[in-house]
Amino acid sequence: MNKLIRDCVLQVAMSPLTAMLLSAILFGQTPPPKPDQSDPKIKARLNEMLARAKADREAGDWAGAIAVLQEATTLDPSRDLLWAKLGEAYQGANNYQEAATAYKKAIAIKPIGAYYNNLGEA
């Protein structure tokens, strides 16, 4: 089989678990343990924090967005979206090294193309 075709087949056929393990090997990170997902107070708090970080970003207050998102990732480090948004905030503040670190953590949790693209931009 042509190498290009084989590589494409492997990429498409890769399970999320395989992708996560490959990401852990490539970036040396493993996903953090998940907190109790059944607690509606945590979900509500995280949604509030995401809304506040979005408002800060829209106002150009990157430091405010970073502070809120750092707190959110402490509250629940298992959510890829929090790490991706933190990466965006660091990137907006021109702190590319921290942005790359945050994107790598998002990728370790959920290896999707958008996070790899963001990492490439950081």
Protein backbone atom coordinates (compact mmCIF):
# COMPACT_ATOMS: atom_id res chain seq x y z
CA MET A 1 0.00 0.00 0.00
CA ASN A 2 1.23 3.45 -0.83
CA LYS A 3 2.73 5.12 2.29
CA LEU A 4 0.57 8.23 1.90
CA ILE A 5 -2.62 6.18 1.66
CA ARG A 6 -1.56 4.03 4.62
CA ASP A 7 -0.84 7.12 6.74
CA CYS A 8 -4.24 8.62 5.83
CA VAL A 9 -6.01 5.38 6.71
CA LEU A 10 -4.20 5.26 10.03
CA GLN A 11 -5.17 8.84 10.82
CA VAL A 12 -8.85 8.28 10.01
CA ALA A 13 -9.00 4.92 11.78
CA MET A 14 -7.25 6.15 14.93
CA SER A 15 -9.50 5.84 17.95
CA PRO A 16 -9.74 8.72 20.42
CA LEU A 17 -7.91 6.60 23.00
CA THR A 18 -5.08 5.92 20.55
CA ALA A 19 -4.93 9.59 19.65
CA MET A 20 -4.80 10.54 23.33
CA LEU A 21 -1.99 8.08 23.99
CA LEU A 22 -0.07 9.30 20.95
CA SER A 23 -0.52 12.88 22.13
CA ALA A 24 0.76 11.91 25.58
CA ILE A 25 3.83 10.35 24.00
CA LEU A 26 4.48 13.31 21.69
CA PHE A 27 3.96 16.02 24.29
CA GLY A 28 4.91 14.07 27.41
CA GLN A 29 1.60 14.85 29.07
CA THR A 30 -1.30 12.76 30.21
CA PRO A 31 -4.81 14.04 30.79
CA PRO A 32 -5.51 15.10 34.36
CA PRO A 33 -7.97 13.09 36.43
CA LYS A 34 -11.56 14.17 36.08
CA PRO A 35 -13.32 15.69 39.09
CA ASP A 36 -16.86 14.72 39.96
CA GLN A 37 -18.75 15.68 36.80
CA SER A 38 -22.13 15.28 38.50
CA ASP A 39 -21.79 18.41 40.61
CA PRO A 40 -23.99 21.05 38.92
CA LYS A 41 -22.39 23.79 41.03
CA ILE A 42 -19.02 23.16 39.40
CA LYS A 43 -20.54 23.26 35.92
CA ALA A 44 -22.39 26.48 36.71
CA ARG A 45 -19.25 28.07 38.16
CA LEU A 46 -17.20 27.08 35.10
CA ASN A 47 -19.84 28.53 32.76
CA GLU A 48 -19.77 31.79 34.73
CA MET A 49 -16.00 31.87 34.50
CA LEU A 50 -16.03 31.23 30.75
CA ALA A 51 -18.54 34.06 30.28
CA ARG A 52 -16.41 36.42 32.38
CA ALA A 53 -13.24 35.45 30.48
CA LYS A 54 -15.05 36.05 27.17
CA ALA A 55 -16.13 39.52 28.32
CA ASP A 56 -12.57 40.29 29.40
CA ARG A 57 -11.19 39.12 26.03
CA GLU A 58 -13.73 41.21 24.12
CA ALA A 59 -12.72 44.25 26.20
CA GLY A 60 -9.05 43.58 25.44
CA ASP A 61 -8.34 42.71 29.07
CA TRP A 62 -6.08 39.72 28.40
CA ALA A 63 -4.69 39.70 31.94
CA GLY A 64 -8.21 39.48 33.35
CA ALA A 65 -9.12 36.66 30.99
CA ILE A 66 -5.91 34.79 31.87
CA ALA A 67 -6.57 35.11 35.61
CA VAL A 68 -10.13 33.81 35.30
CA LEU A 69 -9.12 30.92 33.04
CA GLN A 70 -6.20 29.95 35.27
CA GLU A 71 -8.67 29.70 38.15
CA ALA A 72 -11.04 27.67 35.97
CA THR A 73 -8.31 25.19 35.00
CA THR A 74 -7.50 24.80 38.70
CA LEU A 75 -11.15 24.09 39.44
CA ASP A 76 -11.41 21.47 36.67
CA PRO A 77 -8.14 20.66 34.86
CA SER A 78 -9.78 17.88 32.84
CA ARG A 79 -11.70 20.15 30.44
CA ASP A 80 -9.94 20.72 27.14
CA LEU A 81 -11.99 23.81 26.35
CA LEU A 82 -10.66 25.63 29.43
CA TRP A 83 -7.05 24.98 28.37
CA ALA A 84 -7.79 26.02 24.78
CA LYS A 85 -9.41 29.28 25.92
CA LEU A 86 -6.45 29.90 28.25
CA GLY A 87 -4.15 29.38 25.27
CA GLU A 88 -6.16 31.92 23.27
CA ALA A 89 -5.88 34.44 26.11
CA TYR A 90 -2.12 33.95 26.40
CA GLN A 91 -1.82 34.29 22.63
CA GLY A 92 -3.82 37.53 22.76
CA ALA A 93 -1.41 38.79 25.40
CA ASN A 94 1.53 37.85 23.12
CA ASN A 95 2.74 35.23 25.62
CA TYR A 96 3.32 32.52 23.05
CA GLN A 97 5.27 30.12 25.24
CA GLU A 98 2.44 29.92 27.78
CA ALA A 99 -0.09 29.71 24.95
CA ALA A 100 1.72 26.69 23.52
CA THR A 101 1.78 25.03 26.95
CA ALA A 102 -1.96 25.54 27.39
CA TYR A 103 -2.71 24.22 23.89
CA LYS A 104 -0.59 21.12 24.56
CA LYS A 105 -2.66 20.45 27.67
CA ALA A 106 -5.87 20.79 25.64
CA ILE A 107 -4.46 18.37 23.05
CA ALA A 108 -3.47 15.87 25.74
CA ILE A 109 -7.11 15.80 26.86
CA LYS A 110 -8.77 15.93 23.44
CA PRO A 111 -6.53 15.73 20.38
CA ILE A 112 -8.56 17.60 17.76
CA GLY A 113 -7.35 19.48 14.73
CA ALA A 114 -8.34 22.94 15.93
CA TYR A 115 -6.07 22.67 18.98
CA TYR A 116 -3.16 21.56 16.80
CA ASN A 117 -3.80 24.56 14.54
CA ASN A 118 -3.82 26.88 17.55
CA LEU A 119 -0.57 25.32 18.77
CA GLY A 120 0.99 25.91 15.37
CA GLU A 121 0.03 29.60 15.54
CA ALA A 122 1.46 30.02 19.04
